[in-house]
Every structure is written in structure tokens, then in C-alpha cells.
Amino acid sequence: MIELELFAFLSALLALIGGIATLFAKNAFDKLITLAILAAGAVICMVSRDCLDVAIVVALMMPIGTIFILLLCRKKPEGLQ
């Protein structure tokens, strides 16, 4: 039982570190990486708390969100303003 509590604590710590790093990241791609760290910690925390249905939904939605964020971050052609 102590191992599960330690596992949940470490995953929450990973999510917290990802959230703090997201606040201080300046580049959009760096923010994307730190958001992925936050989501990884959140998914691990959900799995350790037996919320598997929510963890599956989050794990499926994160790559879709990443694709949309990458589309928003791409560079525009120089001819367009």
C-alpha cells in the first residue's frame, strides 16, 4: 500500500513540475513539451487511483490536442501577413 501512495505522490509531483515549467517556458514548442510532461503525470496519477476510463480518454485526447497546437504554431509564409 505504501508503494501505491509513493507512486501517486511521484506522479503528482511530475504533473506539478510540468505545470510550473509550462508557466516559465517562453517558446511555444517548449510549452508543448512541458504540457506533455504535465499530462503524463496526470495520466499516471489517474491510473494509480483506478480511474482508468478517464485516463484512457486523456491519453487519447492529448495527441489530438498536440496536433492542433502544432498547426497553430507553424510559421506563416513570408508573403502573407
N, C-alpha and C. Protein backbone atom coordinates (compact mmCIF):
# COMPACT_ATOMS: atom_id res chain seq x y z
N MET A 1 0.82 -1.19 0.00
CA MET A 1 0.00 0.00 0.00
C MET A 1 0.87 1.26 0.00
N ILE A 2 1.98 1.22 0.68
CA ILE A 2 2.87 2.37 0.72
C ILE A 2 3.44 2.66 -0.66
N GLU A 3 3.67 1.60 -1.46
CA GLU A 3 4.21 1.80 -2.79
C GLU A 3 3.23 2.55 -3.68
N LEU A 4 1.93 2.26 -3.54
CA LEU A 4 0.93 2.96 -4.35
C LEU A 4 0.83 4.43 -3.95
N GLU A 5 0.94 4.74 -2.67
CA GLU A 5 0.90 6.13 -2.24
C GLU A 5 2.13 6.89 -2.73
N LEU A 6 3.28 6.23 -2.70
CA LEU A 6 4.50 6.85 -3.20
C LEU A 6 4.40 7.07 -4.71
N PHE A 7 3.82 6.09 -5.41
CA PHE A 7 3.64 6.18 -6.86
C PHE A 7 2.72 7.35 -7.20
N ALA A 8 1.62 7.50 -6.45
CA ALA A 8 0.70 8.61 -6.68
C ALA A 8 1.37 9.95 -6.37
N PHE A 9 2.17 9.99 -5.30
CA PHE A 9 2.87 11.22 -4.95
C PHE A 9 3.87 11.62 -6.03
N LEU A 10 4.62 10.66 -6.54
CA LEU A 10 5.62 10.96 -7.57
C LEU A 10 4.96 11.39 -8.88
N SER A 11 3.82 10.80 -9.21
CA SER A 11 3.12 11.22 -10.44
C SER A 11 2.53 12.61 -10.28
N ALA A 12 2.02 12.93 -9.09
CA ALA A 12 1.52 14.28 -8.84
C ALA A 12 2.66 15.29 -8.87
N LEU A 13 3.82 14.90 -8.38
CA LEU A 13 5.00 15.76 -8.44
C LEU A 13 5.43 16.01 -9.89
N LEU A 14 5.35 14.97 -10.71
CA LEU A 14 5.68 15.12 -12.14
C LEU A 14 4.72 16.09 -12.81
N ALA A 15 3.44 15.98 -12.50
CA ALA A 15 2.45 16.90 -13.06
C ALA A 15 2.69 18.33 -12.58
N LEU A 16 3.06 18.48 -11.32
CA LEU A 16 3.33 19.81 -10.78
C LEU A 16 4.56 20.43 -11.41
N ILE A 17 5.60 19.64 -11.60
CA ILE A 17 6.82 20.13 -12.26
C ILE A 17 6.50 20.54 -13.71
N GLY A 18 5.70 19.74 -14.39
CA GLY A 18 5.30 20.08 -15.76
C GLY A 18 4.49 21.37 -15.81
N GLY A 19 3.62 21.58 -14.84
CA GLY A 19 2.83 22.80 -14.81
C GLY A 19 3.66 24.03 -14.53
N ILE A 20 4.60 23.93 -13.60
CA ILE A 20 5.48 25.06 -13.29
C ILE A 20 6.40 25.37 -14.48
N ALA A 21 6.89 24.31 -15.12
CA ALA A 21 7.76 24.52 -16.29
C ALA A 21 6.98 25.17 -17.43
N THR A 22 5.70 24.85 -17.55
CA THR A 22 4.86 25.45 -18.58
C THR A 22 4.71 26.95 -18.35
N LEU A 23 4.61 27.34 -17.09
CA LEU A 23 4.48 28.76 -16.78
C LEU A 23 5.71 29.56 -17.20
N PHE A 24 6.88 28.96 -17.06
CA PHE A 24 8.11 29.68 -17.32
C PHE A 24 8.68 29.47 -18.72
N ALA A 25 8.10 28.59 -19.51
CA ALA A 25 8.59 28.36 -20.87
C ALA A 25 8.18 29.52 -21.77
N LYS A 26 9.11 29.99 -22.57
CA LYS A 26 8.85 31.13 -23.46
C LYS A 26 8.45 30.68 -24.86
N ASN A 27 9.12 29.66 -25.37
CA ASN A 27 8.88 29.18 -26.73
C ASN A 27 7.61 28.31 -26.75
N ALA A 28 6.86 28.39 -27.84
CA ALA A 28 5.62 27.62 -27.94
C ALA A 28 5.90 26.12 -27.97
N PHE A 29 6.98 25.72 -28.61
CA PHE A 29 7.30 24.30 -28.66
C PHE A 29 7.77 23.78 -27.31
N ASP A 30 8.46 24.63 -26.54
CA ASP A 30 8.84 24.25 -25.19
C ASP A 30 7.61 24.08 -24.31
N LYS A 31 6.63 24.96 -24.50
CA LYS A 31 5.38 24.82 -23.76
C LYS A 31 4.68 23.52 -24.11
N LEU A 32 4.76 23.11 -25.35
CA LEU A 32 4.13 21.86 -25.77
C LEU A 32 4.79 20.67 -25.08
N ILE A 33 6.10 20.70 -24.96
CA ILE A 33 6.81 19.61 -24.30
C ILE A 33 6.46 19.57 -22.81
N THR A 34 6.42 20.73 -22.17
CA THR A 34 6.11 20.75 -20.75
C THR A 34 4.66 20.38 -20.48
N LEU A 35 3.77 20.70 -21.39
CA LEU A 35 2.38 20.25 -21.25
C LEU A 35 2.27 18.74 -21.37
N ALA A 36 3.10 18.14 -22.21
CA ALA A 36 3.12 16.69 -22.31
C ALA A 36 3.63 16.05 -21.02
N ILE A 37 4.59 16.69 -20.36
CA ILE A 37 5.07 16.20 -19.07
C ILE A 37 3.96 16.29 -18.03
N LEU A 38 3.25 17.40 -18.04
CA LEU A 38 2.12 17.56 -17.12
C LEU A 38 1.06 16.50 -17.36
N ALA A 39 0.72 16.25 -18.60
CA ALA A 39 -0.29 15.25 -18.93
C ALA A 39 0.16 13.84 -18.56
N ALA A 40 1.46 13.56 -18.73
CA ALA A 40 1.97 12.24 -18.35
C ALA A 40 1.82 12.02 -16.85
N GLY A 41 2.15 13.02 -16.07
CA GLY A 41 1.98 12.90 -14.62
C GLY A 41 0.52 12.75 -14.23
N ALA A 42 -0.36 13.48 -14.92
CA ALA A 42 -1.79 13.38 -14.62
C ALA A 42 -2.35 12.01 -14.98
N VAL A 43 -1.93 11.47 -16.11
CA VAL A 43 -2.42 10.14 -16.52
C VAL A 43 -1.93 9.07 -15.55
N ILE A 44 -0.67 9.16 -15.13
CA ILE A 44 -0.15 8.18 -14.18
C ILE A 44 -0.89 8.28 -12.85
N CYS A 45 -1.21 9.49 -12.42
CA CYS A 45 -1.95 9.69 -11.19
C CYS A 45 -3.36 9.11 -11.31
N MET A 46 -4.00 9.29 -12.45
CA MET A 46 -5.33 8.72 -12.66
C MET A 46 -5.31 7.20 -12.64
N VAL A 47 -4.29 6.62 -13.25
CA VAL A 47 -4.18 5.16 -13.28
C VAL A 47 -3.93 4.62 -11.88
N SER A 48 -3.11 5.32 -11.09
CA SER A 48 -2.84 4.84 -9.75
C SER A 48 -4.06 4.95 -8.84
N ARG A 49 -4.99 5.85 -9.18
CA ARG A 49 -6.24 6.00 -8.41
C ARG A 49 -7.39 5.18 -8.99
N ASP A 50 -7.11 4.31 -9.94
CA ASP A 50 -8.10 3.41 -10.57
C ASP A 50 -9.18 4.15 -11.36
N CYS A 51 -8.83 5.27 -11.94
CA CYS A 51 -9.75 6.00 -12.84
C CYS A 51 -9.32 5.71 -14.28
N LEU A 52 -9.42 4.45 -14.66
CA LEU A 52 -8.89 4.04 -15.96
C LEU A 52 -9.66 4.62 -17.13
N ASP A 53 -10.96 4.80 -16.99
CA ASP A 53 -11.74 5.35 -18.09
C ASP A 53 -11.33 6.79 -18.39
N VAL A 54 -11.11 7.57 -17.36
CA VAL A 54 -10.68 8.96 -17.56
C VAL A 54 -9.26 8.99 -18.12
N ALA A 55 -8.40 8.11 -17.63
CA ALA A 55 -7.02 8.06 -18.11
C ALA A 55 -6.97 7.70 -19.60
N ILE A 56 -7.84 6.80 -20.03
CA ILE A 56 -7.88 6.42 -21.44
C ILE A 56 -8.31 7.60 -22.30
N VAL A 57 -9.32 8.32 -21.85
CA VAL A 57 -9.80 9.48 -22.62
C VAL A 57 -8.71 10.55 -22.71
N VAL A 58 -8.04 10.83 -21.61
CA VAL A 58 -6.97 11.83 -21.62
C VAL A 58 -5.82 11.38 -22.51
N ALA A 59 -5.47 10.10 -22.42
CA ALA A 59 -4.38 9.58 -23.24
C ALA A 59 -4.72 9.61 -24.73
N LEU A 60 -5.98 9.50 -25.08
CA LEU A 60 -6.39 9.59 -26.48
C LEU A 60 -6.52 11.03 -26.96
N MET A 61 -6.88 11.94 -26.08
CA MET A 61 -7.09 13.33 -26.48
C MET A 61 -5.80 14.13 -26.55
N MET A 62 -4.79 13.76 -25.79
CA MET A 62 -3.54 14.53 -25.79
C MET A 62 -2.85 14.56 -27.15
N PRO A 63 -2.72 13.46 -27.87
CA PRO A 63 -2.08 13.56 -29.20
C PRO A 63 -2.89 14.40 -30.19
N ILE A 64 -4.21 14.36 -30.08
CA ILE A 64 -5.05 15.18 -30.95
C ILE A 64 -4.85 16.65 -30.64
N GLY A 65 -4.79 16.98 -29.35
CA GLY A 65 -4.52 18.36 -28.95
C GLY A 65 -3.14 18.81 -29.38
N THR A 66 -2.17 17.91 -29.33
CA THR A 66 -0.82 18.24 -29.76
C THR A 66 -0.79 18.57 -31.25
N ILE A 67 -1.51 17.84 -32.04
CA ILE A 67 -1.57 18.11 -33.48
C ILE A 67 -2.16 19.50 -33.74
N PHE A 68 -3.24 19.84 -33.03
CA PHE A 68 -3.83 21.17 -33.21
C PHE A 68 -2.89 22.28 -32.76
N ILE A 69 -2.18 22.07 -31.67
CA ILE A 69 -1.23 23.08 -31.20
C ILE A 69 -0.08 23.25 -32.19
N LEU A 70 0.40 22.14 -32.76
CA LEU A 70 1.46 22.24 -33.76
C LEU A 70 0.99 22.98 -35.01
N LEU A 71 -0.27 22.77 -35.40
CA LEU A 71 -0.81 23.50 -36.55
C LEU A 71 -0.90 25.00 -36.25
N LEU A 72 -1.20 25.36 -35.02
CA LEU A 72 -1.27 26.77 -34.67
C LEU A 72 0.12 27.41 -34.56
N CYS A 73 1.12 26.62 -34.24
CA CYS A 73 2.48 27.15 -34.03
C CYS A 73 3.31 27.22 -35.31
N ARG A 74 2.81 26.67 -36.40
CA ARG A 74 3.63 26.64 -37.60
C ARG A 74 3.85 28.05 -38.14
N LYS A 75 4.92 28.21 -38.88
CA LYS A 75 5.26 29.52 -39.42
C LYS A 75 4.41 29.82 -40.65
N LYS A 76 4.03 31.07 -40.75
CA LYS A 76 3.27 31.51 -41.91
C LYS A 76 4.25 31.83 -43.05
N PRO A 77 3.83 31.67 -44.28
CA PRO A 77 4.68 32.09 -45.39
C PRO A 77 4.95 33.59 -45.31
N GLU A 78 6.12 34.00 -45.79
CA GLU A 78 6.51 35.40 -45.65
C GLU A 78 5.67 36.35 -46.48
N GLY A 79 5.02 35.87 -47.53
CA GLY A 79 4.18 36.72 -48.36
C GLY A 79 2.87 37.10 -47.69
N LEU A 80 2.42 36.29 -46.74
CA LEU A 80 1.15 36.56 -46.06
C LEU A 80 1.39 37.31 -44.76
N GLN A 81 0.39 38.13 -44.39
CA GLN A 81 0.52 38.87 -43.13
C GLN A 81 -0.54 38.49 -42.18
